[in-house]
Amino acid sequence: MKGKILFQLSGSIACYKACYLISKLVQEGFEVQTVATSEALKFIGSATLEGLSGKSVFSDTFQEGQMMNHIHFAKWADLAIVCPATANTINSLASGIANNCIGTLFLAYDLKKPYLIAPAMNKEMYQHPTTKASLEKLQSWNIHVLPTGEGHQACGDIGHGRLLEPDAIFIEILKFFKSKHIIQNVSLPEVPT
């Protein structure tokens, strides 16, 4: 295995793009543990995530037999990513709110290890002062906030806030593993334009 990735999904239509990225990471030899909020599971099913990763989805901190998973997975991971990260999730993380599996994992995670956030939301939500302030706060904690894409959004608006394309996120993940010498001798692919 090239490395262990804690892949966390929050409730956005962009979850369908995250599935492609999970598949690509697994095919490239990464071990991927998926985590999904109940809202994310309304967009894609746990069967899809389990089929792509080969592991049960962690989605309920109170599920029998999983009470300590927020601690175990936080220690287990070499890198964590929230993809897609909704405005609600970003603002909750910046406020230290742990009312779901992503929040509890975040508070248990050692931020000396790479932690990436891939925002996905409507352009107005992305530009809102609360969201902008939360992203700045998270960056001050050594969290890598990926840029967003620009273009048509599910609501019909056009602008920034779209999830960055999965191939570009894949390259960002590879960069972190390469910089930490977890994987070596890897050439970074070009992102199609």
N, C-alpha and C. Protein backbone atom coordinates (compact mmCIF):
# COMPACT_ATOMS: atom_id res chain seq x y z
N MET A 1 0.83 -1.20 0.00
CA MET A 1 0.00 0.00 0.00
C MET A 1 0.87 1.26 0.00
N LYS A 2 0.42 2.26 -0.74
CA LYS A 2 1.16 3.51 -0.81
C LYS A 2 0.93 4.39 0.41
N GLY A 3 -0.19 4.24 1.07
CA GLY A 3 -0.52 5.07 2.22
C GLY A 3 -1.97 4.89 2.60
N LYS A 4 -2.30 5.42 3.78
CA LYS A 4 -3.65 5.26 4.34
C LYS A 4 -4.36 6.61 4.33
N ILE A 5 -5.52 6.63 3.68
CA ILE A 5 -6.27 7.87 3.50
C ILE A 5 -7.63 7.77 4.18
N LEU A 6 -7.91 8.75 5.02
CA LEU A 6 -9.21 8.89 5.65
C LEU A 6 -10.01 9.84 4.77
N PHE A 7 -10.95 9.28 4.01
CA PHE A 7 -11.69 10.04 3.00
C PHE A 7 -13.09 10.32 3.52
N GLN A 8 -13.36 11.61 3.81
CA GLN A 8 -14.60 12.00 4.47
C GLN A 8 -15.49 12.79 3.51
N LEU A 9 -16.76 12.39 3.44
CA LEU A 9 -17.71 13.02 2.54
C LEU A 9 -18.82 13.69 3.34
N SER A 10 -19.10 14.96 3.00
CA SER A 10 -20.26 15.64 3.60
C SER A 10 -21.31 15.85 2.52
N GLY A 11 -22.51 16.26 2.92
CA GLY A 11 -23.68 16.21 2.06
C GLY A 11 -23.75 17.21 0.93
N SER A 12 -23.21 16.83 -0.21
CA SER A 12 -23.22 17.68 -1.39
C SER A 12 -23.48 16.81 -2.62
N ILE A 13 -24.08 17.39 -3.63
CA ILE A 13 -24.27 16.69 -4.89
C ILE A 13 -22.92 16.25 -5.46
N ALA A 14 -21.85 16.94 -5.08
CA ALA A 14 -20.50 16.61 -5.57
C ALA A 14 -19.99 15.27 -5.03
N CYS A 15 -20.75 14.60 -4.17
CA CYS A 15 -20.34 13.27 -3.69
C CYS A 15 -20.12 12.31 -4.85
N TYR A 16 -20.87 12.50 -5.94
CA TYR A 16 -20.69 11.58 -7.06
C TYR A 16 -19.29 11.70 -7.65
N LYS A 17 -18.70 12.91 -7.63
CA LYS A 17 -17.33 13.09 -8.11
C LYS A 17 -16.33 12.45 -7.15
N ALA A 18 -16.65 12.49 -5.87
CA ALA A 18 -15.76 11.90 -4.87
C ALA A 18 -15.63 10.39 -5.08
N CYS A 19 -16.70 9.77 -5.56
CA CYS A 19 -16.66 8.32 -5.81
C CYS A 19 -15.60 7.97 -6.84
N TYR A 20 -15.50 8.76 -7.88
CA TYR A 20 -14.46 8.55 -8.90
C TYR A 20 -13.07 8.64 -8.26
N LEU A 21 -12.88 9.64 -7.40
CA LEU A 21 -11.59 9.85 -6.75
C LEU A 21 -11.24 8.69 -5.82
N ILE A 22 -12.21 8.22 -5.05
CA ILE A 22 -11.98 7.07 -4.17
C ILE A 22 -11.53 5.86 -5.00
N SER A 23 -12.24 5.61 -6.08
CA SER A 23 -11.89 4.50 -6.96
C SER A 23 -10.47 4.63 -7.49
N LYS A 24 -10.12 5.82 -7.93
CA LYS A 24 -8.78 6.07 -8.48
C LYS A 24 -7.70 5.84 -7.42
N LEU A 25 -7.93 6.31 -6.20
CA LEU A 25 -6.96 6.14 -5.12
C LEU A 25 -6.74 4.65 -4.81
N VAL A 26 -7.83 3.91 -4.73
CA VAL A 26 -7.73 2.47 -4.45
C VAL A 26 -6.99 1.76 -5.59
N GLN A 27 -7.33 2.10 -6.82
CA GLN A 27 -6.66 1.48 -7.97
C GLN A 27 -5.16 1.79 -7.99
N GLU A 28 -4.79 2.95 -7.45
CA GLU A 28 -3.38 3.34 -7.41
C GLU A 28 -2.64 2.76 -6.21
N GLY A 29 -3.32 1.96 -5.39
CA GLY A 29 -2.65 1.27 -4.30
C GLY A 29 -2.76 1.91 -2.93
N PHE A 30 -3.62 2.91 -2.78
CA PHE A 30 -3.83 3.51 -1.46
C PHE A 30 -4.90 2.71 -0.70
N GLU A 31 -4.78 2.68 0.61
CA GLU A 31 -5.81 2.10 1.46
C GLU A 31 -6.73 3.25 1.86
N VAL A 32 -8.00 3.12 1.56
CA VAL A 32 -8.95 4.21 1.77
C VAL A 32 -10.04 3.78 2.73
N GLN A 33 -10.19 4.54 3.80
CA GLN A 33 -11.30 4.35 4.74
C GLN A 33 -12.27 5.50 4.52
N THR A 34 -13.50 5.18 4.12
CA THR A 34 -14.48 6.24 3.90
C THR A 34 -15.26 6.55 5.17
N VAL A 35 -15.61 7.81 5.27
CA VAL A 35 -16.42 8.34 6.36
C VAL A 35 -17.47 9.20 5.68
N ALA A 36 -18.72 9.04 6.06
CA ALA A 36 -19.78 9.82 5.42
C ALA A 36 -20.80 10.30 6.45
N THR A 37 -21.17 11.56 6.33
CA THR A 37 -22.25 12.07 7.17
C THR A 37 -23.57 11.47 6.68
N SER A 38 -24.59 11.56 7.50
CA SER A 38 -25.90 11.06 7.09
C SER A 38 -26.40 11.83 5.87
N GLU A 39 -26.04 13.10 5.76
CA GLU A 39 -26.44 13.90 4.60
C GLU A 39 -25.74 13.40 3.33
N ALA A 40 -24.46 13.04 3.44
CA ALA A 40 -23.74 12.52 2.27
C ALA A 40 -24.39 11.22 1.78
N LEU A 41 -24.85 10.41 2.71
CA LEU A 41 -25.46 9.12 2.35
C LEU A 41 -26.82 9.30 1.70
N LYS A 42 -27.36 10.51 1.70
CA LYS A 42 -28.59 10.78 0.95
C LYS A 42 -28.28 11.00 -0.54
N PHE A 43 -27.04 11.33 -0.84
CA PHE A 43 -26.61 11.52 -2.24
C PHE A 43 -26.04 10.24 -2.84
N ILE A 44 -25.28 9.50 -2.05
CA ILE A 44 -24.73 8.21 -2.50
C ILE A 44 -24.90 7.21 -1.37
N GLY A 45 -25.04 5.96 -1.69
CA GLY A 45 -25.27 4.95 -0.67
C GLY A 45 -23.99 4.38 -0.08
N SER A 46 -24.12 3.84 1.12
CA SER A 46 -22.97 3.22 1.77
C SER A 46 -22.47 2.01 0.98
N ALA A 47 -23.38 1.33 0.25
CA ALA A 47 -22.95 0.19 -0.57
C ALA A 47 -21.96 0.63 -1.64
N THR A 48 -22.17 1.80 -2.21
CA THR A 48 -21.25 2.33 -3.23
C THR A 48 -19.87 2.57 -2.61
N LEU A 49 -19.84 3.24 -1.46
CA LEU A 49 -18.56 3.55 -0.81
C LEU A 49 -17.84 2.29 -0.36
N GLU A 50 -18.58 1.33 0.16
CA GLU A 50 -17.97 0.07 0.58
C GLU A 50 -17.44 -0.70 -0.63
N GLY A 51 -18.19 -0.68 -1.71
CA GLY A 51 -17.75 -1.37 -2.92
C GLY A 51 -16.49 -0.76 -3.50
N LEU A 52 -16.37 0.56 -3.43
CA LEU A 52 -15.19 1.24 -3.99
C LEU A 52 -13.96 1.07 -3.11
N SER A 53 -14.16 1.11 -1.80
CA SER A 53 -13.02 1.09 -0.87
C SER A 53 -12.70 -0.30 -0.34
N GLY A 54 -13.68 -1.20 -0.38
CA GLY A 54 -13.48 -2.52 0.21
C GLY A 54 -13.58 -2.52 1.72
N LYS A 55 -14.08 -1.42 2.31
CA LYS A 55 -14.20 -1.29 3.76
C LYS A 55 -15.59 -0.75 4.13
N SER A 56 -16.05 -1.12 5.29
CA SER A 56 -17.31 -0.57 5.79
C SER A 56 -17.18 0.93 5.97
N VAL A 57 -18.27 1.63 5.73
CA VAL A 57 -18.30 3.09 5.87
C VAL A 57 -18.52 3.44 7.34
N PHE A 58 -17.74 4.39 7.84
CA PHE A 58 -17.95 4.92 9.18
C PHE A 58 -18.88 6.12 9.06
N SER A 59 -20.08 6.01 9.63
CA SER A 59 -21.03 7.12 9.48
C SER A 59 -21.78 7.45 10.77
N ASP A 60 -21.68 6.59 11.77
CA ASP A 60 -22.43 6.81 13.00
C ASP A 60 -21.52 6.57 14.19
N THR A 61 -21.17 7.64 14.89
CA THR A 61 -20.26 7.51 16.03
C THR A 61 -20.87 6.70 17.17
N PHE A 62 -22.19 6.49 17.15
CA PHE A 62 -22.84 5.74 18.21
C PHE A 62 -23.22 4.32 17.80
N GLN A 63 -22.80 3.91 16.60
CA GLN A 63 -23.11 2.56 16.15
C GLN A 63 -22.37 1.54 17.01
N GLU A 64 -23.05 0.47 17.36
CA GLU A 64 -22.46 -0.57 18.19
C GLU A 64 -21.19 -1.10 17.52
N GLY A 65 -20.14 -1.21 18.31
CA GLY A 65 -18.87 -1.71 17.82
C GLY A 65 -17.99 -0.66 17.16
N GLN A 66 -18.49 0.58 17.07
CA GLN A 66 -17.71 1.64 16.41
C GLN A 66 -17.51 2.87 17.29
N MET A 67 -17.72 2.70 18.58
CA MET A 67 -17.68 3.85 19.49
C MET A 67 -16.33 4.56 19.52
N MET A 68 -15.24 3.86 19.27
CA MET A 68 -13.92 4.47 19.33
C MET A 68 -13.30 4.69 17.96
N ASN A 69 -14.10 4.50 16.90
CA ASN A 69 -13.54 4.65 15.55
C ASN A 69 -13.03 6.05 15.26
N HIS A 70 -13.63 7.07 15.88
CA HIS A 70 -13.13 8.42 15.63
C HIS A 70 -11.70 8.58 16.16
N ILE A 71 -11.35 7.83 17.17
CA ILE A 71 -9.97 7.85 17.69
C ILE A 71 -9.08 6.94 16.85
N HIS A 72 -9.55 5.73 16.60
CA HIS A 72 -8.74 4.75 15.85
C HIS A 72 -8.41 5.23 14.45
N PHE A 73 -9.41 5.70 13.72
CA PHE A 73 -9.18 6.14 12.35
C PHE A 73 -8.30 7.39 12.30
N ALA A 74 -8.44 8.29 13.27
CA ALA A 74 -7.60 9.48 13.31
C ALA A 74 -6.13 9.11 13.49
N LYS A 75 -5.87 8.09 14.29
CA LYS A 75 -4.50 7.62 14.49
C LYS A 75 -4.01 6.83 13.29
N TRP A 76 -4.89 6.06 12.68
CA TRP A 76 -4.55 5.15 11.58
C TRP A 76 -4.10 5.89 10.33
N ALA A 77 -4.73 7.01 10.02
CA ALA A 77 -4.55 7.69 8.73
C ALA A 77 -3.19 8.36 8.60
N ASP A 78 -2.65 8.31 7.38
CA ASP A 78 -1.48 9.11 7.01
C ASP A 78 -1.92 10.48 6.53
N LEU A 79 -3.12 10.55 5.97
CA LEU A 79 -3.65 11.79 5.41
C LEU A 79 -5.17 11.73 5.52
N ALA A 80 -5.78 12.88 5.83
CA ALA A 80 -7.24 12.98 5.87
C ALA A 80 -7.68 14.04 4.87
N ILE A 81 -8.83 13.79 4.27
CA ILE A 81 -9.42 14.76 3.35
C ILE A 81 -10.93 14.79 3.55
N VAL A 82 -11.49 15.99 3.49
CA VAL A 82 -12.94 16.14 3.45
C VAL A 82 -13.27 16.55 2.02
N CYS A 83 -13.98 15.68 1.33
CA CYS A 83 -14.25 15.88 -0.10
C CYS A 83 -15.55 15.17 -0.48
N PRO A 84 -16.60 15.89 -0.74
CA PRO A 84 -16.73 17.34 -0.75
C PRO A 84 -16.92 17.89 0.66
N ALA A 85 -16.46 19.11 0.85
CA ALA A 85 -16.64 19.81 2.13
C ALA A 85 -17.67 20.91 1.93
N THR A 86 -18.82 20.76 2.54
CA THR A 86 -19.89 21.75 2.42
C THR A 86 -19.59 22.96 3.30
N ALA A 87 -20.32 24.04 3.08
CA ALA A 87 -20.18 25.23 3.92
C ALA A 87 -20.48 24.88 5.37
N ASN A 88 -21.49 24.07 5.59
CA ASN A 88 -21.85 23.68 6.95
C ASN A 88 -20.69 22.94 7.62
N THR A 89 -20.09 22.01 6.90
CA THR A 89 -18.97 21.24 7.47
C THR A 89 -17.77 22.13 7.75
N ILE A 90 -17.43 22.98 6.80
CA ILE A 90 -16.29 23.88 6.97
C ILE A 90 -16.50 24.78 8.18
N ASN A 91 -17.68 25.38 8.29
CA ASN A 91 -17.95 26.28 9.40
C ASN A 91 -18.01 25.53 10.74
N SER A 92 -18.50 24.31 10.71
CA SER A 92 -18.52 23.50 11.95
C SER A 92 -17.11 23.13 12.39
N LEU A 93 -16.26 22.71 11.45
CA LEU A 93 -14.88 22.35 11.80
C LEU A 93 -14.15 23.55 12.38
N ALA A 94 -14.31 24.71 11.78
CA ALA A 94 -13.63 25.91 12.26
C ALA A 94 -14.11 26.32 13.64
N SER A 95 -15.33 25.91 14.00
CA SER A 95 -15.88 26.24 15.32
C SER A 95 -15.68 25.11 16.33
N GLY A 96 -15.08 24.01 15.90
CA GLY A 96 -14.83 22.89 16.81
C GLY A 96 -16.08 22.11 17.17
N ILE A 97 -17.08 22.15 16.31
CA ILE A 97 -18.32 21.43 16.58
C ILE A 97 -18.17 19.99 16.13
N ALA A 98 -18.46 19.08 17.04
CA ALA A 98 -18.30 17.65 16.77
C ALA A 98 -19.63 16.94 16.89
N ASN A 99 -20.58 17.33 16.04
CA ASN A 99 -21.92 16.74 16.13
C ASN A 99 -22.15 15.64 15.10
N ASN A 100 -21.07 15.22 14.40
CA ASN A 100 -21.17 14.09 13.48
C ASN A 100 -19.79 13.42 13.40
N CYS A 101 -19.69 12.40 12.57
CA CYS A 101 -18.45 11.63 12.50
C CYS A 101 -17.27 12.46 11.98
N ILE A 102 -17.50 13.39 11.06
CA ILE A 102 -16.39 14.21 10.56
C ILE A 102 -15.88 15.14 11.65
N GLY A 103 -16.78 15.72 12.41
CA GLY A 103 -16.38 16.62 13.49
C GLY A 103 -15.60 15.92 14.59
N THR A 104 -16.04 14.72 14.98
CA THR A 104 -15.32 14.00 16.03
C THR A 104 -13.95 13.56 15.54
N LEU A 105 -13.86 13.12 14.29
CA LEU A 105 -12.57 12.73 13.74
C LEU A 105 -11.63 13.93 13.67
N PHE A 106 -12.15 15.08 13.29
CA PHE A 106 -11.32 16.28 13.17
C PHE A 106 -10.69 16.64 14.52
N LEU A 107 -11.48 16.60 15.56
CA LEU A 107 -10.95 16.96 16.88
C LEU A 107 -9.96 15.93 17.41
N ALA A 108 -10.06 14.69 16.94
CA ALA A 108 -9.14 13.63 17.38
C ALA A 108 -7.91 13.53 16.49
N TYR A 109 -7.88 14.25 15.39
CA TYR A 109 -6.82 14.12 14.38
C TYR A 109 -5.60 14.96 14.75
N ASP A 110 -4.42 14.39 14.57
CA ASP A 110 -3.17 15.10 14.80
C ASP A 110 -2.88 15.98 13.59
N LEU A 111 -3.00 17.27 13.75
CA LEU A 111 -2.86 18.18 12.61
C LEU A 111 -1.41 18.36 12.15
N LYS A 112 -0.49 17.60 12.72
CA LYS A 112 0.86 17.54 12.15
C LYS A 112 0.87 16.67 10.91
N LYS A 113 -0.16 15.83 10.77
CA LYS A 113 -0.33 15.01 9.57
C LYS A 113 -1.17 15.80 8.57
N PRO A 114 -1.02 15.53 7.28
CA PRO A 114 -1.77 16.29 6.27
C PRO A 114 -3.29 16.15 6.44
N TYR A 115 -3.96 17.28 6.34
CA TYR A 115 -5.42 17.34 6.39
C TYR A 115 -5.85 18.29 5.28
N LEU A 116 -6.62 17.78 4.33
CA LEU A 116 -7.04 18.56 3.17
C LEU A 116 -8.55 18.79 3.19
N ILE A 117 -8.95 19.94 2.70
CA ILE A 117 -10.37 20.26 2.56
C ILE A 117 -10.62 20.66 1.12
N ALA A 118 -11.60 20.00 0.49
CA ALA A 118 -11.98 20.30 -0.89
C ALA A 118 -13.40 20.88 -0.87
N PRO A 119 -13.54 22.20 -0.83
CA PRO A 119 -14.87 22.82 -0.73
C PRO A 119 -15.74 22.54 -1.95
N ALA A 120 -17.05 22.48 -1.69
CA ALA A 120 -18.04 22.31 -2.76
C ALA A 120 -19.35 22.93 -2.30
N MET A 121 -19.74 24.01 -2.96
CA MET A 121 -20.97 24.69 -2.56
C MET A 121 -21.36 25.74 -3.59
N ASN A 122 -22.51 26.32 -3.41
CA ASN A 122 -22.98 27.43 -4.23
C ASN A 122 -22.03 28.62 -4.11
N LYS A 123 -21.93 29.41 -5.16
CA LYS A 123 -20.98 30.53 -5.17
C LYS A 123 -21.24 31.54 -4.05
N GLU A 124 -22.50 31.77 -3.70
CA GLU A 124 -22.80 32.72 -2.62
C GLU A 124 -22.38 32.17 -1.27
N MET A 125 -22.57 30.88 -1.07
CA MET A 125 -22.15 30.24 0.18
C MET A 125 -20.62 30.28 0.30
N TYR A 126 -19.95 30.08 -0.83
CA TYR A 126 -18.49 30.08 -0.84
C TYR A 126 -17.94 31.48 -0.54
N GLN A 127 -18.61 32.51 -1.02
CA GLN A 127 -18.15 33.89 -0.82
C GLN A 127 -18.65 34.51 0.48
N HIS A 128 -19.51 33.80 1.20
CA HIS A 128 -20.07 34.36 2.43
C HIS A 128 -18.95 34.66 3.43
N PRO A 129 -19.04 35.78 4.15
CA PRO A 129 -17.98 36.13 5.11
C PRO A 129 -17.72 35.04 6.16
N THR A 130 -18.77 34.35 6.58
CA THR A 130 -18.58 33.28 7.56
C THR A 130 -17.71 32.17 6.99
N THR A 131 -18.02 31.73 5.78
CA THR A 131 -17.26 30.65 5.15
C THR A 131 -15.83 31.09 4.88
N LYS A 132 -15.65 32.31 4.38
CA LYS A 132 -14.30 32.80 4.11
C LYS A 132 -13.48 32.86 5.40
N ALA A 133 -14.09 33.34 6.48
CA ALA A 133 -13.37 33.42 7.76
C ALA A 133 -13.03 32.02 8.28
N SER A 134 -13.95 31.09 8.09
CA SER A 134 -13.69 29.71 8.55
C SER A 134 -12.55 29.08 7.77
N LEU A 135 -12.52 29.29 6.46
CA LEU A 135 -11.43 28.74 5.65
C LEU A 135 -10.09 29.34 6.06
N GLU A 136 -10.07 30.64 6.34
CA GLU A 136 -8.83 31.27 6.79
C GLU A 136 -8.38 30.72 8.13
N LYS A 137 -9.33 30.50 9.03
CA LYS A 137 -9.00 29.94 10.34
C LYS A 137 -8.44 28.53 10.19
N LEU A 138 -9.06 27.71 9.37
CA LEU A 138 -8.58 26.34 9.16
C LEU A 138 -7.17 26.35 8.56
N GLN A 139 -6.92 27.24 7.62
CA GLN A 139 -5.58 27.34 7.03
C GLN A 139 -4.54 27.73 8.07
N SER A 140 -4.93 28.55 9.03
CA SER A 140 -3.99 28.96 10.08
C SER A 140 -3.63 27.79 11.00
N TRP A 141 -4.42 26.72 10.94
CA TRP A 141 -4.15 25.51 11.73
C TRP A 141 -3.38 24.46 10.93
N ASN A 142 -2.79 24.87 9.82
CA ASN A 142 -2.00 23.97 8.98
C ASN A 142 -2.85 23.01 8.16
N ILE A 143 -4.07 23.42 7.88
CA ILE A 143 -4.95 22.61 7.03
C ILE A 143 -4.85 23.16 5.61
N HIS A 144 -4.73 22.25 4.67
CA HIS A 144 -4.58 22.65 3.27
C HIS A 144 -5.97 22.73 2.63
N VAL A 145 -6.38 23.93 2.30
CA VAL A 145 -7.67 24.15 1.65
C VAL A 145 -7.43 24.23 0.15
N LEU A 146 -8.03 23.31 -0.58
CA LEU A 146 -7.88 23.28 -2.02
C LEU A 146 -8.73 24.38 -2.66
N PRO A 147 -8.33 24.86 -3.81
CA PRO A 147 -9.18 25.83 -4.51
C PRO A 147 -10.44 25.15 -5.02
N THR A 148 -11.39 25.95 -5.42
CA THR A 148 -12.59 25.40 -6.04
C THR A 148 -12.50 25.56 -7.55
N GLY A 149 -13.35 24.81 -8.22
CA GLY A 149 -13.49 25.01 -9.65
C GLY A 149 -14.45 26.15 -9.91
N GLU A 150 -14.50 26.58 -11.15
CA GLU A 150 -15.42 27.65 -11.54
C GLU A 150 -16.24 27.15 -12.71
N GLY A 151 -17.52 27.46 -12.69
CA GLY A 151 -18.37 27.05 -13.80
C GLY A 151 -19.80 26.85 -13.36
N HIS A 152 -20.54 26.04 -14.12
CA HIS A 152 -21.94 25.77 -13.82
C HIS A 152 -22.08 24.99 -12.53
N GLN A 153 -23.04 25.40 -11.72
CA GLN A 153 -23.31 24.73 -10.45
C GLN A 153 -24.67 24.05 -10.53
N ALA A 154 -24.89 23.07 -9.67
CA ALA A 154 -26.11 22.27 -9.71
C ALA A 154 -27.37 23.14 -9.61
N CYS A 155 -27.27 24.27 -8.91
CA CYS A 155 -28.42 25.16 -8.72
C CYS A 155 -28.71 26.01 -9.95
N GLY A 156 -27.79 25.99 -10.93
CA GLY A 156 -27.97 26.80 -12.12
C GLY A 156 -27.09 28.04 -12.15
N ASP A 157 -26.49 28.40 -11.01
CA ASP A 157 -25.58 29.54 -10.97
C ASP A 157 -24.27 29.19 -11.67
N ILE A 158 -23.50 30.21 -11.98
CA ILE A 158 -22.17 30.04 -12.57
C ILE A 158 -21.19 30.83 -11.71
N GLY A 159 -20.11 30.18 -11.30
CA GLY A 159 -19.12 30.88 -10.49
C GLY A 159 -18.23 29.92 -9.74
N HIS A 160 -17.48 30.46 -8.78
CA HIS A 160 -16.59 29.65 -7.95
C HIS A 160 -17.41 28.91 -6.89
N GLY A 161 -16.89 27.77 -6.47
CA GLY A 161 -17.55 26.98 -5.44
C GLY A 161 -17.70 25.53 -5.84
N ARG A 162 -17.58 25.25 -7.13
CA ARG A 162 -17.65 23.85 -7.59
C ARG A 162 -16.48 23.05 -7.01
N LEU A 163 -16.72 21.77 -6.76
CA LEU A 163 -15.63 20.91 -6.32
C LEU A 163 -14.55 20.89 -7.39
N LEU A 164 -13.31 21.03 -6.97
CA LEU A 164 -12.18 20.89 -7.88
C LEU A 164 -12.28 19.53 -8.56
N GLU A 165 -11.87 19.43 -9.80
CA GLU A 165 -12.00 18.16 -10.52
C GLU A 165 -11.21 17.06 -9.81
N PRO A 166 -11.76 15.86 -9.76
CA PRO A 166 -11.12 14.76 -9.02
C PRO A 166 -9.68 14.47 -9.41
N ASP A 167 -9.35 14.59 -10.69
CA ASP A 167 -7.97 14.34 -11.10
C ASP A 167 -7.01 15.36 -10.49
N ALA A 168 -7.45 16.60 -10.35
CA ALA A 168 -6.63 17.63 -9.72
C ALA A 168 -6.47 17.37 -8.23
N ILE A 169 -7.53 16.89 -7.58
CA ILE A 169 -7.45 16.55 -6.16
C ILE A 169 -6.51 15.37 -5.97
N PHE A 170 -6.57 14.40 -6.87
CA PHE A 170 -5.68 13.25 -6.82
C PHE A 170 -4.22 13.70 -6.84
N ILE A 171 -3.89 14.64 -7.69
CA ILE A 171 -2.52 15.14 -7.78
C ILE A 171 -2.11 15.84 -6.48
N GLU A 172 -3.03 16.59 -5.89
CA GLU A 172 -2.74 17.26 -4.61
C GLU A 172 -2.44 16.22 -3.52
N ILE A 173 -3.20 15.14 -3.50
CA ILE A 173 -2.96 14.08 -2.52
C ILE A 173 -1.59 13.45 -2.76
N LEU A 174 -1.27 13.16 -4.01
CA LEU A 174 0.05 12.58 -4.32
C LEU A 174 1.17 13.50 -3.86
N LYS A 175 1.01 14.80 -4.04
CA LYS A 175 2.04 15.75 -3.62
C LYS A 175 2.32 15.64 -2.12
N PHE A 176 1.27 15.50 -1.33
CA PHE A 176 1.47 15.40 0.12
C PHE A 176 2.19 14.11 0.49
N PHE A 177 1.81 13.01 -0.14
CA PHE A 177 2.48 11.75 0.17
C PHE A 177 3.94 11.79 -0.28
N LYS A 178 4.20 12.40 -1.41
CA LYS A 178 5.57 12.50 -1.91
C LYS A 178 6.39 13.41 -1.00
N SER A 179 5.82 14.53 -0.57
CA SER A 179 6.56 15.47 0.28
C SER A 179 6.87 14.89 1.65
N LYS A 180 6.06 13.98 2.11
CA LYS A 180 6.28 13.34 3.41
C LYS A 180 7.09 12.06 3.27
N HIS A 181 7.53 11.77 2.04
CA HIS A 181 8.33 10.58 1.74
C HIS A 181 7.62 9.28 2.11
N ILE A 182 6.30 9.31 2.10
CA ILE A 182 5.53 8.09 2.33
C ILE A 182 5.55 7.25 1.06
N ILE A 183 5.45 7.93 -0.08
CA ILE A 183 5.66 7.24 -1.35
C ILE A 183 6.81 7.93 -2.05
N GLN A 184 7.59 7.16 -2.77
CA GLN A 184 8.75 7.70 -3.46
C GLN A 184 8.70 7.29 -4.92
N ASN A 185 9.54 7.93 -5.70
CA ASN A 185 9.67 7.61 -7.12
C ASN A 185 8.33 7.62 -7.84
N VAL A 186 7.52 8.60 -7.52
CA VAL A 186 6.24 8.72 -8.20
C VAL A 186 6.29 9.98 -9.07
N SER A 187 5.88 9.84 -10.30
CA SER A 187 5.80 11.03 -11.14
C SER A 187 4.36 11.52 -11.10
N LEU A 188 4.21 12.82 -10.97
CA LEU A 188 2.88 13.40 -10.87
C LEU A 188 2.28 13.54 -12.26
N PRO A 189 1.07 13.00 -12.47
CA PRO A 189 0.43 13.10 -13.78
C PRO A 189 0.00 14.54 -14.06
N GLU A 190 -0.19 14.81 -15.33
CA GLU A 190 -0.70 16.13 -15.73
C GLU A 190 -2.21 16.15 -15.52
N VAL A 191 -2.72 17.30 -15.12
CA VAL A 191 -4.18 17.46 -14.99
C VAL A 191 -4.72 17.86 -16.34
N PRO A 192 -5.71 17.08 -16.87
CA PRO A 192 -6.30 17.48 -18.15
C PRO A 192 -7.00 18.82 -18.02
N THR A 193 -6.91 19.63 -19.05
CA THR A 193 -7.58 20.95 -19.01
C THR A 193 -8.80 20.93 -19.88
